[in-house]
Amino acid sequence: MWTPLVLVTALGAGLVSAWAAWRTVRDRPVVLRQLVASGVVEALLLVQVVVAVVAVARGSGPADGATFWGYLVTTLFVLPVAAAWAFAERTRWSSVVLLVAALTVVFLQYRVVQVWTGA
């Protein structure tokens, strides 16, 4: 794993979660700009998957492969599902859904690094 990419991805998800929290406190639904920001984080996650596949192909790998790939694949689905839900739900709760999803991505990024390093 390339740690700077993980950190940038987690930071992006953290910023999306802070933005969603702000919208939640103000009783506002998700706006398109938030979904675009989530899309940027999703693109970073896709790059991360490619980096992980290349690293494994070169012989470097996680301490626990099944757990690592489980976390990484799950992370890929969290934001798109939340974005679809937020797009359909035009109330404050869409912001709550995006907040929870973005925080989940932050946590899963932390776990991905832990599993990769065997910590």
N, C-alpha and C. Protein backbone atom coordinates (compact mmCIF):
# COMPACT_ATOMS: atom_id res chain seq x y z
N MET A 1 0.84 -1.19 0.00
CA MET A 1 0.00 0.00 0.00
C MET A 1 0.88 1.24 0.00
N TRP A 2 0.39 2.25 -0.64
CA TRP A 2 1.08 3.52 -0.66
C TRP A 2 0.43 4.42 0.38
N THR A 3 1.09 4.60 1.50
CA THR A 3 0.52 5.31 2.65
C THR A 3 0.06 6.73 2.33
N PRO A 4 0.81 7.52 1.55
CA PRO A 4 0.31 8.87 1.24
C PRO A 4 -1.05 8.86 0.54
N LEU A 5 -1.28 7.88 -0.33
CA LEU A 5 -2.58 7.77 -1.00
C LEU A 5 -3.69 7.46 0.00
N VAL A 6 -3.39 6.58 0.94
CA VAL A 6 -4.37 6.24 1.98
C VAL A 6 -4.69 7.48 2.82
N LEU A 7 -3.66 8.25 3.16
CA LEU A 7 -3.87 9.45 3.96
C LEU A 7 -4.69 10.50 3.22
N VAL A 8 -4.40 10.69 1.93
CA VAL A 8 -5.15 11.66 1.14
C VAL A 8 -6.61 11.21 1.01
N THR A 9 -6.82 9.93 0.80
CA THR A 9 -8.18 9.39 0.69
C THR A 9 -8.94 9.56 2.01
N ALA A 10 -8.29 9.23 3.11
CA ALA A 10 -8.93 9.39 4.42
C ALA A 10 -9.20 10.86 4.72
N LEU A 11 -8.28 11.74 4.35
CA LEU A 11 -8.50 13.17 4.55
C LEU A 11 -9.68 13.66 3.72
N GLY A 12 -9.75 13.22 2.47
CA GLY A 12 -10.88 13.60 1.62
C GLY A 12 -12.20 13.13 2.20
N ALA A 13 -12.23 11.88 2.65
CA ALA A 13 -13.46 11.36 3.27
C ALA A 13 -13.77 12.10 4.56
N GLY A 14 -12.75 12.47 5.30
CA GLY A 14 -12.96 13.25 6.53
C GLY A 14 -13.56 14.62 6.23
N LEU A 15 -13.08 15.25 5.16
CA LEU A 15 -13.64 16.55 4.78
C LEU A 15 -15.10 16.42 4.32
N VAL A 16 -15.39 15.35 3.58
CA VAL A 16 -16.78 15.11 3.17
C VAL A 16 -17.65 14.88 4.40
N SER A 17 -17.13 14.15 5.37
CA SER A 17 -17.93 13.90 6.58
C SER A 17 -18.15 15.18 7.38
N ALA A 18 -17.13 16.03 7.45
CA ALA A 18 -17.29 17.31 8.16
C ALA A 18 -18.33 18.19 7.46
N TRP A 19 -18.27 18.20 6.13
CA TRP A 19 -19.25 18.97 5.35
C TRP A 19 -20.66 18.43 5.57
N ALA A 20 -20.78 17.12 5.57
CA ALA A 20 -22.09 16.50 5.80
C ALA A 20 -22.58 16.77 7.22
N ALA A 21 -21.67 16.78 8.18
CA ALA A 21 -22.06 17.09 9.56
C ALA A 21 -22.57 18.53 9.66
N TRP A 22 -21.90 19.43 8.97
CA TRP A 22 -22.32 20.83 8.98
C TRP A 22 -23.72 20.97 8.38
N ARG A 23 -23.96 20.26 7.27
CA ARG A 23 -25.28 20.30 6.64
C ARG A 23 -26.34 19.66 7.54
N THR A 24 -25.95 18.62 8.28
CA THR A 24 -26.88 17.97 9.20
C THR A 24 -27.28 18.92 10.32
N VAL A 25 -26.31 19.59 10.90
CA VAL A 25 -26.58 20.53 11.99
C VAL A 25 -27.49 21.66 11.51
N ARG A 26 -27.32 22.07 10.26
CA ARG A 26 -28.13 23.16 9.70
C ARG A 26 -29.47 22.66 9.14
N ASP A 27 -29.73 21.35 9.30
CA ASP A 27 -30.98 20.75 8.84
C ASP A 27 -31.17 20.89 7.33
N ARG A 28 -30.10 20.59 6.59
CA ARG A 28 -30.09 20.71 5.13
C ARG A 28 -29.79 19.37 4.48
N PRO A 29 -30.35 19.12 3.30
CA PRO A 29 -30.02 17.88 2.58
C PRO A 29 -28.68 17.99 1.87
N VAL A 30 -28.24 16.88 1.37
CA VAL A 30 -27.00 16.83 0.58
C VAL A 30 -27.19 17.63 -0.70
N VAL A 31 -26.13 18.32 -1.11
CA VAL A 31 -26.16 19.07 -2.37
C VAL A 31 -25.24 18.37 -3.37
N LEU A 32 -25.41 18.70 -4.61
CA LEU A 32 -24.65 18.05 -5.69
C LEU A 32 -23.14 18.17 -5.48
N ARG A 33 -22.67 19.30 -5.00
CA ARG A 33 -21.23 19.48 -4.78
C ARG A 33 -20.68 18.44 -3.80
N GLN A 34 -21.48 18.06 -2.81
CA GLN A 34 -21.04 17.03 -1.87
C GLN A 34 -20.92 15.68 -2.57
N LEU A 35 -21.85 15.40 -3.47
CA LEU A 35 -21.78 14.14 -4.21
C LEU A 35 -20.58 14.13 -5.15
N VAL A 36 -20.26 15.28 -5.72
CA VAL A 36 -19.06 15.37 -6.56
C VAL A 36 -17.81 15.13 -5.71
N ALA A 37 -17.76 15.73 -4.53
CA ALA A 37 -16.63 15.51 -3.63
C ALA A 37 -16.52 14.04 -3.24
N SER A 38 -17.66 13.41 -3.02
CA SER A 38 -17.65 11.97 -2.72
C SER A 38 -17.15 11.18 -3.91
N GLY A 39 -17.46 11.64 -5.11
CA GLY A 39 -16.96 11.00 -6.33
C GLY A 39 -15.45 11.09 -6.44
N VAL A 40 -14.89 12.21 -6.01
CA VAL A 40 -13.43 12.36 -6.01
C VAL A 40 -12.81 11.36 -5.04
N VAL A 41 -13.41 11.23 -3.87
CA VAL A 41 -12.92 10.24 -2.90
C VAL A 41 -13.03 8.84 -3.47
N GLU A 42 -14.13 8.56 -4.16
CA GLU A 42 -14.31 7.25 -4.79
C GLU A 42 -13.25 6.99 -5.85
N ALA A 43 -12.90 8.01 -6.61
CA ALA A 43 -11.84 7.87 -7.61
C ALA A 43 -10.51 7.54 -6.93
N LEU A 44 -10.24 8.18 -5.81
CA LEU A 44 -9.02 7.87 -5.05
C LEU A 44 -9.04 6.42 -4.56
N LEU A 45 -10.21 5.95 -4.16
CA LEU A 45 -10.34 4.56 -3.73
C LEU A 45 -10.06 3.59 -4.88
N LEU A 46 -10.53 3.93 -6.06
CA LEU A 46 -10.26 3.09 -7.23
C LEU A 46 -8.77 3.05 -7.55
N VAL A 47 -8.12 4.20 -7.44
CA VAL A 47 -6.66 4.24 -7.64
C VAL A 47 -5.99 3.37 -6.59
N GLN A 48 -6.49 3.42 -5.38
CA GLN A 48 -5.92 2.61 -4.30
C GLN A 48 -6.03 1.11 -4.60
N VAL A 49 -7.15 0.70 -5.16
CA VAL A 49 -7.31 -0.71 -5.53
C VAL A 49 -6.28 -1.10 -6.58
N VAL A 50 -6.07 -0.25 -7.57
CA VAL A 50 -5.08 -0.53 -8.61
C VAL A 50 -3.69 -0.63 -8.00
N VAL A 51 -3.36 0.30 -7.11
CA VAL A 51 -2.05 0.27 -6.44
C VAL A 51 -1.89 -1.02 -5.65
N ALA A 52 -2.94 -1.44 -4.96
CA ALA A 52 -2.88 -2.68 -4.17
C ALA A 52 -2.70 -3.89 -5.06
N VAL A 53 -3.42 -3.94 -6.18
CA VAL A 53 -3.29 -5.07 -7.11
C VAL A 53 -1.87 -5.14 -7.66
N VAL A 54 -1.30 -4.00 -8.03
CA VAL A 54 0.07 -3.96 -8.54
C VAL A 54 1.05 -4.40 -7.46
N ALA A 55 0.86 -3.93 -6.24
CA ALA A 55 1.76 -4.31 -5.15
C ALA A 55 1.71 -5.82 -4.89
N VAL A 56 0.52 -6.39 -4.91
CA VAL A 56 0.38 -7.83 -4.69
C VAL A 56 1.01 -8.59 -5.86
N ALA A 57 0.83 -8.09 -7.08
CA ALA A 57 1.42 -8.74 -8.25
C ALA A 57 2.94 -8.71 -8.21
N ARG A 58 3.51 -7.72 -7.56
CA ARG A 58 4.97 -7.60 -7.43
C ARG A 58 5.51 -8.41 -6.26
N GLY A 59 4.63 -9.06 -5.52
CA GLY A 59 5.09 -9.91 -4.43
C GLY A 59 4.93 -9.33 -3.05
N SER A 60 4.56 -8.08 -2.94
CA SER A 60 4.31 -7.47 -1.65
C SER A 60 2.83 -7.63 -1.35
N GLY A 61 2.51 -7.97 -0.13
CA GLY A 61 1.10 -8.18 0.16
C GLY A 61 0.75 -7.94 1.59
N PRO A 62 -0.53 -7.94 1.87
CA PRO A 62 -0.98 -7.71 3.25
C PRO A 62 -0.73 -8.94 4.12
N ALA A 63 -0.71 -8.70 5.42
CA ALA A 63 -0.53 -9.79 6.36
C ALA A 63 -1.70 -10.77 6.30
N ASP A 64 -2.91 -10.26 6.14
CA ASP A 64 -4.12 -11.07 6.04
C ASP A 64 -4.87 -10.66 4.79
N GLY A 65 -4.67 -11.40 3.73
CA GLY A 65 -5.23 -11.04 2.43
C GLY A 65 -6.74 -10.96 2.38
N ALA A 66 -7.42 -11.93 2.97
CA ALA A 66 -8.89 -11.95 2.91
C ALA A 66 -9.49 -10.74 3.62
N THR A 67 -8.96 -10.39 4.77
CA THR A 67 -9.46 -9.24 5.50
C THR A 67 -9.16 -7.95 4.75
N PHE A 68 -7.94 -7.85 4.23
CA PHE A 68 -7.54 -6.65 3.48
C PHE A 68 -8.47 -6.41 2.29
N TRP A 69 -8.66 -7.44 1.46
CA TRP A 69 -9.49 -7.28 0.27
C TRP A 69 -10.95 -7.08 0.65
N GLY A 70 -11.38 -7.68 1.73
CA GLY A 70 -12.74 -7.46 2.21
C GLY A 70 -12.97 -6.00 2.58
N TYR A 71 -12.02 -5.41 3.31
CA TYR A 71 -12.13 -4.00 3.66
C TYR A 71 -12.08 -3.12 2.42
N LEU A 72 -11.15 -3.41 1.53
CA LEU A 72 -10.96 -2.56 0.35
C LEU A 72 -12.18 -2.61 -0.58
N VAL A 73 -12.71 -3.79 -0.80
CA VAL A 73 -13.89 -3.91 -1.67
C VAL A 73 -15.12 -3.28 -1.01
N THR A 74 -15.27 -3.48 0.28
CA THR A 74 -16.39 -2.86 1.00
C THR A 74 -16.30 -1.34 0.90
N THR A 75 -15.10 -0.81 1.05
CA THR A 75 -14.91 0.63 0.96
C THR A 75 -15.37 1.18 -0.39
N LEU A 76 -15.18 0.40 -1.44
CA LEU A 76 -15.59 0.83 -2.78
C LEU A 76 -17.10 1.02 -2.90
N PHE A 77 -17.87 0.28 -2.12
CA PHE A 77 -19.33 0.33 -2.25
C PHE A 77 -20.01 1.31 -1.30
N VAL A 78 -19.33 1.73 -0.25
CA VAL A 78 -19.97 2.54 0.79
C VAL A 78 -20.44 3.90 0.24
N LEU A 79 -19.56 4.64 -0.40
CA LEU A 79 -19.94 5.97 -0.87
C LEU A 79 -20.96 5.95 -2.01
N PRO A 80 -20.83 5.06 -3.00
CA PRO A 80 -21.87 5.05 -4.05
C PRO A 80 -23.27 4.72 -3.50
N VAL A 81 -23.35 3.79 -2.58
CA VAL A 81 -24.66 3.47 -1.99
C VAL A 81 -25.19 4.66 -1.20
N ALA A 82 -24.32 5.30 -0.44
CA ALA A 82 -24.74 6.48 0.33
C ALA A 82 -25.15 7.62 -0.60
N ALA A 83 -24.43 7.79 -1.70
CA ALA A 83 -24.76 8.86 -2.65
C ALA A 83 -26.12 8.60 -3.29
N ALA A 84 -26.39 7.36 -3.65
CA ALA A 84 -27.69 7.02 -4.23
C ALA A 84 -28.80 7.27 -3.22
N TRP A 85 -28.57 6.88 -1.99
CA TRP A 85 -29.55 7.10 -0.93
C TRP A 85 -29.76 8.59 -0.69
N ALA A 86 -28.66 9.34 -0.63
CA ALA A 86 -28.74 10.77 -0.39
C ALA A 86 -29.46 11.48 -1.54
N PHE A 87 -29.24 11.01 -2.76
CA PHE A 87 -29.90 11.61 -3.92
C PHE A 87 -31.41 11.37 -3.87
N ALA A 88 -31.80 10.20 -3.40
CA ALA A 88 -33.22 9.85 -3.32
C ALA A 88 -33.90 10.50 -2.12
N GLU A 89 -33.20 10.65 -1.04
CA GLU A 89 -33.74 11.20 0.21
C GLU A 89 -33.40 12.68 0.28
N ARG A 90 -34.32 13.54 0.03
CA ARG A 90 -34.05 14.97 -0.04
C ARG A 90 -34.38 15.70 1.26
N THR A 91 -34.00 15.08 2.38
CA THR A 91 -34.20 15.72 3.68
C THR A 91 -32.85 15.78 4.39
N ARG A 92 -32.89 16.25 5.60
CA ARG A 92 -31.68 16.33 6.43
C ARG A 92 -31.01 14.95 6.56
N TRP A 93 -31.82 13.91 6.52
CA TRP A 93 -31.28 12.57 6.73
C TRP A 93 -30.32 12.15 5.63
N SER A 94 -30.41 12.77 4.47
CA SER A 94 -29.43 12.47 3.42
C SER A 94 -28.04 12.91 3.87
N SER A 95 -27.97 14.00 4.58
CA SER A 95 -26.68 14.46 5.11
C SER A 95 -26.16 13.51 6.18
N VAL A 96 -27.07 12.97 6.98
CA VAL A 96 -26.67 12.00 8.01
C VAL A 96 -26.11 10.73 7.34
N VAL A 97 -26.77 10.28 6.29
CA VAL A 97 -26.31 9.08 5.58
C VAL A 97 -24.92 9.31 5.00
N LEU A 98 -24.71 10.46 4.37
CA LEU A 98 -23.38 10.76 3.81
C LEU A 98 -22.34 10.89 4.90
N LEU A 99 -22.71 11.48 6.02
CA LEU A 99 -21.80 11.60 7.16
C LEU A 99 -21.34 10.23 7.65
N VAL A 100 -22.28 9.34 7.87
CA VAL A 100 -21.94 8.00 8.35
C VAL A 100 -21.09 7.26 7.32
N ALA A 101 -21.43 7.37 6.06
CA ALA A 101 -20.68 6.68 5.01
C ALA A 101 -19.24 7.20 4.92
N ALA A 102 -19.08 8.51 4.97
CA ALA A 102 -17.74 9.08 4.87
C ALA A 102 -16.89 8.70 6.09
N LEU A 103 -17.50 8.69 7.28
CA LEU A 103 -16.76 8.25 8.46
C LEU A 103 -16.39 6.77 8.37
N THR A 104 -17.26 5.99 7.76
CA THR A 104 -16.97 4.57 7.55
C THR A 104 -15.75 4.42 6.64
N VAL A 105 -15.67 5.22 5.61
CA VAL A 105 -14.52 5.17 4.71
C VAL A 105 -13.25 5.55 5.47
N VAL A 106 -13.31 6.57 6.30
CA VAL A 106 -12.13 6.95 7.09
C VAL A 106 -11.68 5.78 7.96
N PHE A 107 -12.61 5.16 8.66
CA PHE A 107 -12.27 4.03 9.52
C PHE A 107 -11.70 2.87 8.71
N LEU A 108 -12.33 2.56 7.59
CA LEU A 108 -11.84 1.44 6.77
C LEU A 108 -10.46 1.72 6.20
N GLN A 109 -10.15 2.97 5.92
CA GLN A 109 -8.81 3.31 5.46
C GLN A 109 -7.78 3.03 6.56
N TYR A 110 -8.14 3.37 7.77
CA TYR A 110 -7.28 3.08 8.93
C TYR A 110 -7.05 1.57 9.05
N ARG A 111 -8.13 0.79 8.90
CA ARG A 111 -8.01 -0.66 9.00
C ARG A 111 -7.21 -1.25 7.85
N VAL A 112 -7.35 -0.70 6.65
CA VAL A 112 -6.60 -1.20 5.49
C VAL A 112 -5.11 -1.08 5.76
N VAL A 113 -4.68 0.05 6.29
CA VAL A 113 -3.25 0.23 6.61
C VAL A 113 -2.83 -0.74 7.70
N GLN A 114 -3.66 -0.91 8.72
CA GLN A 114 -3.32 -1.83 9.79
C GLN A 114 -3.16 -3.26 9.28
N VAL A 115 -4.09 -3.69 8.46
CA VAL A 115 -4.03 -5.07 7.96
C VAL A 115 -2.85 -5.24 7.01
N TRP A 116 -2.58 -4.25 6.18
CA TRP A 116 -1.47 -4.34 5.24
C TRP A 116 -0.14 -4.50 5.97
N THR A 117 0.03 -3.73 7.05
CA THR A 117 1.30 -3.76 7.79
C THR A 117 1.34 -4.88 8.82
N GLY A 118 0.21 -5.50 9.09
CA GLY A 118 0.18 -6.57 10.09
C GLY A 118 0.14 -6.05 11.50
N ALA A 119 -0.23 -4.81 11.68
CA ALA A 119 -0.26 -4.20 13.03
C ALA A 119 -1.46 -4.69 13.83
